[in-house]
PDB file of N, CA and C in Angstrom:
ATOM      1  N   MET A   1      30.046  -1.391  42.143  1.00  0.00           N
ATOM      2  CA  MET A   1      29.544  -1.312  40.788  1.00  0.00           C
ATOM      3  C   MET A   1      29.980   0.020  40.192  1.00  0.00           C
ATOM      4  N   LEU A   2      30.522  -0.025  39.009  1.00  0.00           N
ATOM      5  CA  LEU A   2      30.998   1.162  38.334  1.00  0.00           C
ATOM      6  C   LEU A   2      29.974   1.600  37.295  1.00  0.00           C
ATOM      7  N   TYR A   3      29.598   2.861  37.348  1.00  0.00           N
ATOM      8  CA  TYR A   3      28.641   3.398  36.392  1.00  0.00           C
ATOM      9  C   TYR A   3      29.388   4.254  35.385  1.00  0.00           C
ATOM     10  N   THR A   4      29.010   4.117  34.123  1.00  0.00           N
ATOM     11  CA  THR A   4      29.602   4.964  33.103  1.00  0.00           C
ATOM     12  C   THR A   4      28.547   5.938  32.617  1.00  0.00           C
ATOM     13  N   MET A   5      28.977   7.135  32.361  1.00  0.00           N
ATOM     14  CA  MET A   5      28.072   8.179  31.900  1.00  0.00           C
ATOM     15  C   MET A   5      28.305   8.437  30.421  1.00  0.00           C
ATOM     16  N   ALA A   6      27.231   8.625  29.694  1.00  0.00           N
ATOM     17  CA  ALA A   6      27.320   9.050  28.304  1.00  0.00           C
ATOM     18  C   ALA A   6      27.020  10.538  28.285  1.00  0.00           C
ATOM     19  N   SER A   7      27.710  11.262  27.467  1.00  0.00           N
ATOM     20  CA  SER A   7      27.501  12.701  27.416  1.00  0.00           C
ATOM     21  C   SER A   7      27.246  13.122  25.975  1.00  0.00           C
ATOM     22  N   GLU A   8      26.180  13.840  25.779  1.00  0.00           N
ATOM     23  CA  GLU A   8      25.831  14.393  24.470  1.00  0.00           C
ATOM     24  C   GLU A   8      25.449  15.843  24.694  1.00  0.00           C
ATOM     25  N   THR A   9      25.501  16.634  23.662  1.00  0.00           N
ATOM     26  CA  THR A   9      25.129  18.046  23.749  1.00  0.00           C
ATOM     27  C   THR A   9      23.919  18.292  22.865  1.00  0.00           C
ATOM     28  N   THR A  10      23.012  19.134  23.360  1.00  0.00           N
ATOM     29  CA  THR A  10      21.824  19.511  22.598  1.00  0.00           C
ATOM     30  C   THR A  10      21.546  20.972  22.893  1.00  0.00           C
ATOM     31  N   ARG A  11      20.581  21.541  22.221  1.00  0.00           N
ATOM     32  CA  ARG A  11      20.222  22.952  22.431  1.00  0.00           C
ATOM     33  C   ARG A  11      18.734  23.077  22.721  1.00  0.00           C
ATOM     34  N   LEU A  12      18.399  24.151  23.386  1.00  0.00           N
ATOM     35  CA  LEU A  12      17.006  24.501  23.644  1.00  0.00           C
ATOM     36  C   LEU A  12      16.501  25.299  22.443  1.00  0.00           C
ATOM     37  N   SER A  13      15.374  24.880  21.878  1.00  0.00           N
ATOM     38  CA  SER A  13      14.839  25.581  20.706  1.00  0.00           C
ATOM     39  C   SER A  13      14.139  26.863  21.135  1.00  0.00           C
ATOM     40  N   SER A  14      13.793  27.687  20.150  1.00  0.00           N
ATOM     41  CA  SER A  14      13.076  28.937  20.437  1.00  0.00           C
ATOM     42  C   SER A  14      11.693  28.661  21.018  1.00  0.00           C
ATOM     43  N   LYS A  15      11.187  27.437  20.817  1.00  0.00           N
ATOM     44  CA  LYS A  15       9.889  27.045  21.371  1.00  0.00           C
ATOM     45  C   LYS A  15      10.029  26.382  22.737  1.00  0.00           C
ATOM     46  N   GLY A  16      11.259  26.344  23.271  1.00  0.00           N
ATOM     47  CA  GLY A  16      11.484  25.742  24.579  1.00  0.00           C
ATOM     48  C   GLY A  16      11.576  24.229  24.532  1.00  0.00           C
ATOM     49  N   GLN A  17      11.812  23.670  23.366  1.00  0.00           N
ATOM     50  CA  GLN A  17      11.900  22.218  23.222  1.00  0.00           C
ATOM     51  C   GLN A  17      13.350  21.771  23.224  1.00  0.00           C
ATOM     52  N   VAL A  18      13.552  20.561  23.732  1.00  0.00           N
ATOM     53  CA  VAL A  18      14.886  19.970  23.756  1.00  0.00           C
ATOM     54  C   VAL A  18      14.831  18.655  22.992  1.00  0.00           C
ATOM     55  N   VAL A  19      15.769  18.461  22.091  1.00  0.00           N
ATOM     56  CA  VAL A  19      15.868  17.209  21.358  1.00  0.00           C
ATOM     57  C   VAL A  19      16.871  16.322  22.092  1.00  0.00           C
ATOM     58  N   ILE A  20      16.444  15.111  22.411  1.00  0.00           N
ATOM     59  CA  ILE A  20      17.354  14.154  23.025  1.00  0.00           C
ATOM     60  C   ILE A  20      18.094  13.460  21.890  1.00  0.00           C
ATOM     61  N   PRO A  21      19.419  13.555  21.873  1.00  0.00           N
ATOM     62  CA  PRO A  21      20.190  12.979  20.770  1.00  0.00           C
ATOM     63  C   PRO A  21      19.866  11.501  20.545  1.00  0.00           C
ATOM     64  N   VAL A  22      19.931  11.071  19.285  1.00  0.00           N
ATOM     65  CA  VAL A  22      19.541   9.725  18.901  1.00  0.00           C
ATOM     66  C   VAL A  22      20.306   8.654  19.670  1.00  0.00           C
ATOM     67  N   GLU A  23      21.590   8.834  19.895  1.00  0.00           N
ATOM     68  CA  GLU A  23      22.373   7.820  20.618  1.00  0.00           C
ATOM     69  C   GLU A  23      21.867   7.663  22.054  1.00  0.00           C
ATOM     70  N   VAL A  24      21.466   8.760  22.678  1.00  0.00           N
ATOM     71  CA  VAL A  24      20.924   8.703  24.039  1.00  0.00           C
ATOM     72  C   VAL A  24      19.565   8.011  24.015  1.00  0.00           C
ATOM     73  N   ARG A  25      18.714   8.367  23.047  1.00  0.00           N
ATOM     74  CA  ARG A  25      17.399   7.726  22.941  1.00  0.00           C
ATOM     75  C   ARG A  25      17.546   6.222  22.745  1.00  0.00           C
ATOM     76  N   ARG A  26      18.482   5.838  21.901  1.00  0.00           N
ATOM     77  CA  ARG A  26      18.705   4.405  21.655  1.00  0.00           C
ATOM     78  C   ARG A  26      19.198   3.700  22.917  1.00  0.00           C
ATOM     79  N   ARG A  27      20.160   4.309  23.578  1.00  0.00           N
ATOM     80  CA  ARG A  27      20.723   3.700  24.790  1.00  0.00           C
ATOM     81  C   ARG A  27      19.662   3.518  25.870  1.00  0.00           C
ATOM     82  N   LEU A  28      18.754   4.483  25.973  1.00  0.00           N
ATOM     83  CA  LEU A  28      17.698   4.420  26.981  1.00  0.00           C
ATOM     84  C   LEU A  28      16.467   3.660  26.500  1.00  0.00           C
ATOM     85  N   GLY A  29      16.413   3.381  25.209  1.00  0.00           N
ATOM     86  CA  GLY A  29      15.246   2.682  24.672  1.00  0.00           C
ATOM     87  C   GLY A  29      13.996   3.544  24.669  1.00  0.00           C
ATOM     88  N   LEU A  30      14.170   4.857  24.494  1.00  0.00           N
ATOM     89  CA  LEU A  30      13.033   5.772  24.483  1.00  0.00           C
ATOM     90  C   LEU A  30      12.288   5.670  23.162  1.00  0.00           C
ATOM     91  N   ILE A  31      10.974   5.805  23.235  1.00  0.00           N
ATOM     92  CA  ILE A  31      10.149   5.757  22.033  1.00  0.00           C
ATOM     93  C   ILE A  31       9.341   7.052  21.925  1.00  0.00           C
ATOM     94  N   PRO A  32       8.962   7.458  20.703  1.00  0.00           N
ATOM     95  CA  PRO A  32       8.179   8.680  20.525  1.00  0.00           C
ATOM     96  C   PRO A  32       6.896   8.639  21.359  1.00  0.00           C
ATOM     97  N   GLY A  33       6.589   9.741  22.008  1.00  0.00           N
ATOM     98  CA  GLY A  33       5.372   9.847  22.811  1.00  0.00           C
ATOM     99  C   GLY A  33       5.534   9.378  24.247  1.00  0.00           C
ATOM    100  N   GLU A  34       6.684   8.803  24.567  1.00  0.00           N
ATOM    101  CA  GLU A  34       6.908   8.320  25.934  1.00  0.00           C
ATOM    102  C   GLU A  34       7.008   9.499  26.892  1.00  0.00           C
ATOM    103  N   GLU A  35       6.397   9.356  28.059  1.00  0.00           N
ATOM    104  CA  GLU A  35       6.440  10.424  29.050  1.00  0.00           C
ATOM    105  C   GLU A  35       7.745  10.375  29.823  1.00  0.00           C
ATOM    106  N   LEU A  36       8.318  11.556  30.035  1.00  0.00           N
ATOM    107  CA  LEU A  36       9.539  11.687  30.822  1.00  0.00           C
ATOM    108  C   LEU A  36       9.272  12.688  31.936  1.00  0.00           C
ATOM    109  N   ARG A  37       9.879  12.464  33.078  1.00  0.00           N
ATOM    110  CA  ARG A  37       9.732  13.381  34.212  1.00  0.00           C
ATOM    111  C   ARG A  37      11.044  14.151  34.353  1.00  0.00           C
ATOM    112  N   ILE A  38      10.959  15.435  34.603  1.00  0.00           N
ATOM    113  CA  ILE A  38      12.128  16.286  34.746  1.00  0.00           C
ATOM    114  C   ILE A  38      12.225  16.711  36.212  1.00  0.00           C
ATOM    115  N   GLU A  39      13.385  16.491  36.826  1.00  0.00           N
ATOM    116  CA  GLU A  39      13.622  16.932  38.194  1.00  0.00           C
ATOM    117  C   GLU A  39      14.793  17.893  38.180  1.00  0.00           C
ATOM    118  N   VAL A  40      14.624  19.041  38.816  1.00  0.00           N
ATOM    119  CA  VAL A  40      15.661  20.063  38.857  1.00  0.00           C
ATOM    120  C   VAL A  40      16.224  20.113  40.262  1.00  0.00           C
ATOM    121  N   GLY A  41      17.551  20.081  40.380  1.00  0.00           N
ATOM    122  CA  GLY A  41      18.212  20.128  41.679  1.00  0.00           C
ATOM    123  C   GLY A  41      18.002  21.464  42.363  1.00  0.00           C
ATOM    124  N   SER A  42      18.285  21.499  43.651  1.00  0.00           N
ATOM    125  CA  SER A  42      18.037  22.703  44.448  1.00  0.00           C
ATOM    126  C   SER A  42      18.835  23.905  43.957  1.00  0.00           C
ATOM    127  N   GLU A  43      20.008  23.673  43.425  1.00  0.00           N
ATOM    128  CA  GLU A  43      20.821  24.776  42.924  1.00  0.00           C
ATOM    129  C   GLU A  43      20.553  25.056  41.449  1.00  0.00           C
ATOM    130  N   ALA A  44      19.666  24.288  40.844  1.00  0.00           N
ATOM    131  CA  ALA A  44      19.300  24.421  39.432  1.00  0.00           C
ATOM    132  C   ALA A  44      20.499  24.263  38.507  1.00  0.00           C
ATOM    133  N   GLU A  45      21.554  23.608  39.001  1.00  0.00           N
ATOM    134  CA  GLU A  45      22.720  23.359  38.158  1.00  0.00           C
ATOM    135  C   GLU A  45      22.632  21.999  37.485  1.00  0.00           C
ATOM    136  N   ARG A  46      21.869  21.090  38.055  1.00  0.00           N
ATOM    137  CA  ARG A  46      21.736  19.744  37.510  1.00  0.00           C
ATOM    138  C   ARG A  46      20.262  19.447  37.304  1.00  0.00           C
ATOM    139  N   THR A  47      19.987  18.813  36.192  1.00  0.00           N
ATOM    140  CA  THR A  47      18.631  18.398  35.876  1.00  0.00           C
ATOM    141  C   THR A  47      18.668  16.910  35.556  1.00  0.00           C
ATOM    142  N   ILE A  48      17.688  16.186  36.057  1.00  0.00           N
ATOM    143  CA  ILE A  48      17.621  14.752  35.822  1.00  0.00           C
ATOM    144  C   ILE A  48      16.367  14.464  35.017  1.00  0.00           C
ATOM    145  N   VAL A  49      16.520  13.683  33.979  1.00  0.00           N
ATOM    146  CA  VAL A  49      15.383  13.252  33.175  1.00  0.00           C
ATOM    147  C   VAL A  49      15.108  11.800  33.543  1.00  0.00           C
ATOM    148  N   LEU A  50      13.889  11.526  33.970  1.00  0.00           N
ATOM    149  CA  LEU A  50      13.505  10.192  34.385  1.00  0.00           C
ATOM    150  C   LEU A  50      12.388   9.665  33.509  1.00  0.00           C
ATOM    151  N   ARG A  51      12.450   8.394  33.224  1.00  0.00           N
ATOM    152  CA  ARG A  51      11.388   7.767  32.443  1.00  0.00           C
ATOM    153  C   ARG A  51      10.134   7.696  33.311  1.00  0.00           C
ATOM    154  N   GLY A  52       9.012   8.069  32.743  1.00  0.00           N
ATOM    155  CA  GLY A  52       7.745   7.946  33.449  1.00  0.00           C
ATOM    156  C   GLY A  52       7.292   6.500  33.452  1.00  0.00           C
ATOM    157  N   GLN A  53       6.313   6.178  34.247  1.00  0.00           N
ATOM    158  CA  GLN A  53       5.793   4.816  34.275  1.00  0.00           C
ATOM    159  C   GLN A  53       4.748   4.647  33.184  1.00  0.00           C
ATOM    160  N   THR A  54       4.735   3.471  32.593  1.00  0.00           N
ATOM    161  CA  THR A  54       3.742   3.178  31.567  1.00  0.00           C
ATOM    162  C   THR A  54       2.388   2.947  32.235  1.00  0.00           C
ATOM    163  N   LYS A  55       1.330   3.000  31.451  1.00  0.00           N
ATOM    164  CA  LYS A  55      -0.010   2.749  31.977  1.00  0.00           C
ATOM    165  C   LYS A  55      -0.078   1.356  32.589  1.00  0.00           C
ATOM    166  N   ASP A  56       0.538   0.380  31.949  1.00  0.00           N
ATOM    167  CA  ASP A  56       0.537  -0.987  32.480  1.00  0.00           C
ATOM    168  C   ASP A  56       1.241  -1.065  33.836  1.00  0.00           C
ATOM    169  N   GLU A  57       2.354  -0.331  33.984  1.00  0.00           N
ATOM    170  CA  GLU A  57       3.071  -0.322  35.264  1.00  0.00           C
ATOM    171  C   GLU A  57       2.219   0.307  36.359  1.00  0.00           C
ATOM    172  N   VAL A  58       1.547   1.409  36.029  1.00  0.00           N
ATOM    173  CA  VAL A  58       0.677   2.074  37.001  1.00  0.00           C
ATOM    174  C   VAL A  58      -0.487   1.161  37.372  1.00  0.00           C
ATOM    175  N   ASP A  59      -1.101   0.529  36.369  1.00  0.00           N
ATOM    176  CA  ASP A  59      -2.200  -0.403  36.633  1.00  0.00           C
ATOM    177  C   ASP A  59      -1.754  -1.548  37.536  1.00  0.00           C
ATOM    178  N   ALA A  60      -0.547  -2.065  37.306  1.00  0.00           N
ATOM    179  CA  ALA A  60      -0.023  -3.163  38.128  1.00  0.00           C
ATOM    180  C   ALA A  60       0.167  -2.712  39.570  1.00  0.00           C
ATOM    181  N   LEU A  61       0.651  -1.483  39.766  1.00  0.00           N
ATOM    182  CA  LEU A  61       0.830  -0.965  41.125  1.00  0.00           C
ATOM    183  C   LEU A  61      -0.519  -0.782  41.828  1.00  0.00           C
ATOM    184  N   ILE A  62      -1.507  -0.313  41.091  1.00  0.00           N
ATOM    185  CA  ILE A  62      -2.841  -0.143  41.671  1.00  0.00           C
ATOM    186  C   ILE A  62      -3.421  -1.492  42.064  1.00  0.00           C
ATOM    187  N   GLU A  63      -3.270  -2.486  41.186  1.00  0.00           N
ATOM    188  CA  GLU A  63      -3.749  -3.837  41.516  1.00  0.00           C
ATOM    189  C   GLU A  63      -3.062  -4.370  42.756  1.00  0.00           C
ATOM    190  N   LYS A  64      -1.758  -4.144  42.850  1.00  0.00           N
ATOM    191  CA  LYS A  64      -0.994  -4.600  44.015  1.00  0.00           C
ATOM    192  C   LYS A  64      -1.524  -3.925  45.288  1.00  0.00           C
ATOM    193  N   GLY A  65      -1.843  -2.642  45.198  1.00  0.00           N
ATOM    194  CA  GLY A  65      -2.395  -1.917  46.344  1.00  0.00           C
ATOM    195  C   GLY A  65      -3.743  -2.469  46.772  1.00  0.00           C
ATOM    196  N   TYR A  66      -4.610  -2.722  45.808  1.00  0.00           N
ATOM    197  CA  TYR A  66      -5.924  -3.285  46.141  1.00  0.00           C
ATOM    198  C   TYR A  66      -5.798  -4.682  46.741  1.00  0.00           C
ATOM    199  N   ALA A  67      -4.868  -5.480  46.210  1.00  0.00           N
ATOM    200  CA  ALA A  67      -4.649  -6.822  46.765  1.00  0.00           C
ATOM    201  C   ALA A  67      -4.179  -6.719  48.213  1.00  0.00           C
ATOM    202  N   TRP A  68      -3.295  -5.759  48.481  1.00  0.00           N
ATOM    203  CA  TRP A  68      -2.809  -5.544  49.847  1.00  0.00           C
ATOM    204  C   TRP A  68      -3.971  -5.161  50.765  1.00  0.00           C
ATOM    205  N   LEU A  69      -4.831  -4.266  50.284  1.00  0.00           N
ATOM    206  CA  LEU A  69      -5.980  -3.844  51.091  1.00  0.00           C
ATOM    207  C   LEU A  69      -6.877  -5.024  51.436  1.00  0.00           C
ATOM    208  N   GLN A  70      -7.172  -5.859  50.439  1.00  0.00           N
ATOM    209  CA  GLN A  70      -8.044  -7.017  50.676  1.00  0.00           C
ATOM    210  C   GLN A  70      -7.382  -8.018  51.615  1.00  0.00           C
ATOM    211  N   LYS A  71      -6.091  -8.220  51.466  1.00  0.00           N
ATOM    212  CA  LYS A  71      -5.370  -9.197  52.277  1.00  0.00           C
ATOM    213  C   LYS A  71      -5.270  -8.755  53.739  1.00  0.00           C
ATOM    214  N   THR A  72      -4.928  -7.494  53.957  1.00  0.00           N
ATOM    215  CA  THR A  72      -4.674  -7.022  55.325  1.00  0.00           C
ATOM    216  C   THR A  72      -5.909  -6.464  56.009  1.00  0.00           C
ATOM    217  N   GLY A  73      -6.815  -5.902  55.234  1.00  0.00           N
ATOM    218  CA  GLY A  73      -7.986  -5.260  55.824  1.00  0.00           C
ATOM    219  C   GLY A  73      -7.655  -3.952  56.531  1.00  0.00           C
ATOM    220  N   LEU A  74      -6.416  -3.461  56.339  1.00  0.00           N
ATOM    221  CA  LEU A  74      -5.987  -2.226  56.997  1.00  0.00           C
ATOM    222  C   LEU A  74      -6.436  -0.997  56.213  1.00  0.00           C
ATOM    223  N   ASP A  75      -6.453   0.118  56.899  1.00  0.00           N
ATOM    224  CA  ASP A  75      -6.712   1.408  56.273  1.00  0.00           C
ATOM    225  C   ASP A  75      -5.394   1.869  55.651  1.00  0.00           C
ATOM    226  N   MET A  76      -5.365   2.027  54.335  1.00  0.00           N
ATOM    227  CA  MET A  76      -4.131   2.361  53.638  1.00  0.00           C
ATOM    228  C   MET A  76      -3.524   3.678  54.126  1.00  0.00           C
ATOM    229  N   VAL A  77      -4.357   4.680  54.352  1.00  0.00           N
ATOM    230  CA  VAL A  77      -3.849   5.979  54.782  1.00  0.00           C
ATOM    231  C   VAL A  77      -3.247   5.863  56.176  1.00  0.00           C
ATOM    232  N   GLU A  78      -3.916   5.183  57.078  1.00  0.00           N
ATOM    233  CA  GLU A  78      -3.388   5.014  58.432  1.00  0.00           C
ATOM    234  C   GLU A  78      -2.100   4.195  58.402  1.00  0.00           C
ATOM    235  N   ALA A  79      -2.043   3.166  57.565  1.00  0.00           N
ATOM    236  CA  ALA A  79      -0.829   2.361  57.452  1.00  0.00           C
ATOM    237  C   ALA A  79       0.335   3.209  56.945  1.00  0.00           C
ATOM    238  N   LEU A  80       0.068   4.085  55.998  1.00  0.00           N
ATOM    239  CA  LEU A  80       1.101   4.979  55.485  1.00  0.00           C
ATOM    240  C   LEU A  80       1.601   5.907  56.584  1.00  0.00           C
ATOM    241  N   HIS A  81       0.679   6.490  57.342  1.00  0.00           N
ATOM    242  CA  HIS A  81       1.076   7.373  58.446  1.00  0.00           C
ATOM    243  C   HIS A  81       1.889   6.607  59.486  1.00  0.00           C
ATOM    244  N   ALA A  82       1.494   5.387  59.783  1.00  0.00           N
ATOM    245  CA  ALA A  82       2.214   4.582  60.768  1.00  0.00           C
ATOM    246  C   ALA A  82       3.639   4.299  60.281  1.00  0.00           C
ATOM    247  N   GLU A  83       3.802   3.968  59.013  1.00  0.00           N
ATOM    248  CA  GLU A  83       5.141   3.717  58.469  1.00  0.00           C
ATOM    249  C   GLU A  83       5.994   4.968  58.511  1.00  0.00           C
ATOM    250  N   ARG A  84       5.400   6.109  58.230  1.00  0.00           N
ATOM    251  CA  ARG A  84       6.159   7.366  58.291  1.00  0.00           C
ATOM    252  C   ARG A  84       6.579   7.681  59.718  1.00  0.00           C
ATOM    253  N   ARG A  85       5.703   7.398  60.693  1.00  0.00           N
ATOM    254  CA  ARG A  85       6.075   7.611  62.097  1.00  0.00           C
ATOM    255  C   ARG A  85       7.256   6.722  62.481  1.00  0.00           C
ATOM    256  N   LYS A  86       7.212   5.453  62.045  1.00  0.00           N
ATOM    257  CA  LYS A  86       8.317   4.532  62.332  1.00  0.00           C
ATOM    258  C   LYS A  86       9.619   5.037  61.705  1.00  0.00           C
ATOM    259  N   ALA A  87       9.537   5.511  60.473  1.00  0.00           N
ATOM    260  CA  ALA A  87      10.729   6.002  59.785  1.00  0.00           C
ATOM    261  C   ALA A  87      11.309   7.217  60.498  1.00  0.00           C
ATOM    262  N   ARG A  88      10.437   8.111  60.985  1.00  0.00           N
ATOM    263  CA  ARG A  88      10.926   9.286  61.716  1.00  0.00           C
ATOM    264  C   ARG A  88      11.608   8.870  63.017  1.00  0.00           C
ATOM    265  N   ARG A  89      11.037   7.869  63.719  1.00  0.00           N
ATOM    266  CA  ARG A  89      11.662   7.386  64.963  1.00  0.00           C
ATOM    267  C   ARG A  89      13.027   6.773  64.670  1.00  0.00           C
ATOM    268  N   ARG A  90      13.120   5.966  63.607  1.00  0.00           N
ATOM    269  CA  ARG A  90      14.411   5.372  63.239  1.00  0.00           C
ATOM    270  C   ARG A  90      15.431   6.456  62.905  1.00  0.00           C
ATOM    271  N   GLU A  91      14.988   7.473  62.188  1.00  0.00           N
ATOM    272  CA  GLU A  91      15.890   8.576  61.807  1.00  0.00           C
ATOM    273  C   GLU A  91      16.384   9.313  63.052  1.00  0.00           C
ATOM    274  N   ARG A  92      15.487   9.568  64.013  1.00  0.00           N
ATOM    275  CA  ARG A  92      15.904  10.256  65.250  1.00  0.00           C
ATOM    276  C   ARG A  92      16.920   9.429  66.024  1.00  0.00           C
ATOM    277  N   ARG A  93      16.716   8.098  66.060  1.00  0.00           N
ATOM    278  CA  ARG A  93      17.659   7.223  66.776  1.00  0.00           C
ATOM    279  C   ARG A  93      19.029   7.194  66.105  1.00  0.00           C
ATOM    280  N   ARG A  94      19.064   7.306  64.784  1.00  0.00           N
ATOM    281  CA  ARG A  94      20.345   7.289  64.052  1.00  0.00           C
ATOM    282  C   ARG A  94      21.157   8.541  64.315  1.00  0.00           C
ATOM    283  N   ARG A  95      20.517   9.623  64.627  1.00  0.00           N
ATOM    284  CA  ARG A  95      21.241  10.902  64.851  1.00  0.00           C
ATOM    285  C   ARG A  95      21.858  10.869  66.174  1.00  0.00           C
TER     286      ARG A  95
END
């Protein structure tokens, strides 16, 4: 799969605000007031802007979690720890 990148230039305002150019907003389907998450790379040379999850998406994930709890009867925290232990074992075997 080939990905194409769009490139636009913007400036940081004196108030520390960044305007996302209209063509980028349109391409991403961003709407006013939408939450975005900013991730900065370890070298601080690259920054990634990610769309946040909507309230409906978060609510759906919470419902899915509760349904899983009722279905399995497992302790969610213990299940998470168990999955992480399995992942660490798989990672050690791959090395």
